[in-house]
Amino acid sequence: MNELECAHQDQETLEPNADSAPENAIARILDEWVCEVPKDLYIPPDALEVFLEVFEGPLDLLLYLIRKHNLDILDIPVAVITKQYLAYIEIMQFVKIEVIADYLEMAAVLTEIKSRMLLPRNKVELEEEEDPRARLAQKLQEYEQMKLAAQDIDALPRKERDIFPGSIAQPESNIPAQMPELDFPDLLMAFKDVIKRLDLNSKHSIEREALSVRERMTIILSTLETDKFMEFSCFFYKSEGRAGLIVTFIAILELVRDCNLELIQSEPYAPIYVRLTQ
């Protein structure tokens, strides 16, 4: 046997086989099996609470044991389950009493059922008495249904867990909006609407002194110096009658022609606005 084979054989003897663990082994530390709990081992009071977090209560633990051993809920082997359950309770002995109280109560119920099933009974009692496991089996079935329903609900897509809505800030645009071109037919159509509203509300006519287009131009300019931006129809007053409307319309046309006014429309058929030329 060469040196390489000897080294390989020595390495195999040093490495323990996981399958050859002793029956009383409770842990494996640094490749060595530990069969007894050290006497100076300290376990904090809250250290085993993590174990209980795996189960949501005594019914959950009992259901876990039944499913682990592929047992029938309607035909529970109470002796086997009670032994397994008490073994888990033994592990939990370091946990706070208020946490383990419900588990101890279920252990008492299992022990009672086991005792009742061990008592000798005649045929009449067997026929009349309800199976002591029936009520526990019903609770387990109801709990399992609720647990499966809760798992189905939890599997549904959840906002902030599975779905994260995205948001994109719209960049600010410094490009000025382009106004549509305004031609004379649009202005004439707006003036016709003003005339129609006057006809609907005029009941009688009163003769007034002649109005000056030049004076109206001055009034319009002084008004826009104060308000800066006005709707086209705001320059026309029903009390002035047709003559006043026509004078105002001509005055606006003259000011536009002389490049003193600008006519603005945001979109087709939208209201027309008037402002001083900038």
Foldseek 3Di string as FASTA:
>chain_A
DDPVVVVVVVVVVVQDDPVPADPQFDDADPRRTDRDDDPPDDDDLCNCVVVCVVAPAQLRVLLVVCVVVVHDLQDDPLVVSLVVLVVVVVVCPSYDCVVCVRSVVVSVLSVVLVVVVPDDDDPVCVVPDDNSSVVVSVVSVVVVVVVVVVVVVVPPDDEPPRDDDDDDDDDDDPDDDDFDDDDDVVVVVVLVVLLVVLVVPDDDDDDDDQDDLVVLLVVVLVVCVVVQKAFPSVSDDSVVPPRRSVSNSVSVVVCVVVQQKDWTARDPPGTIMIGGHD
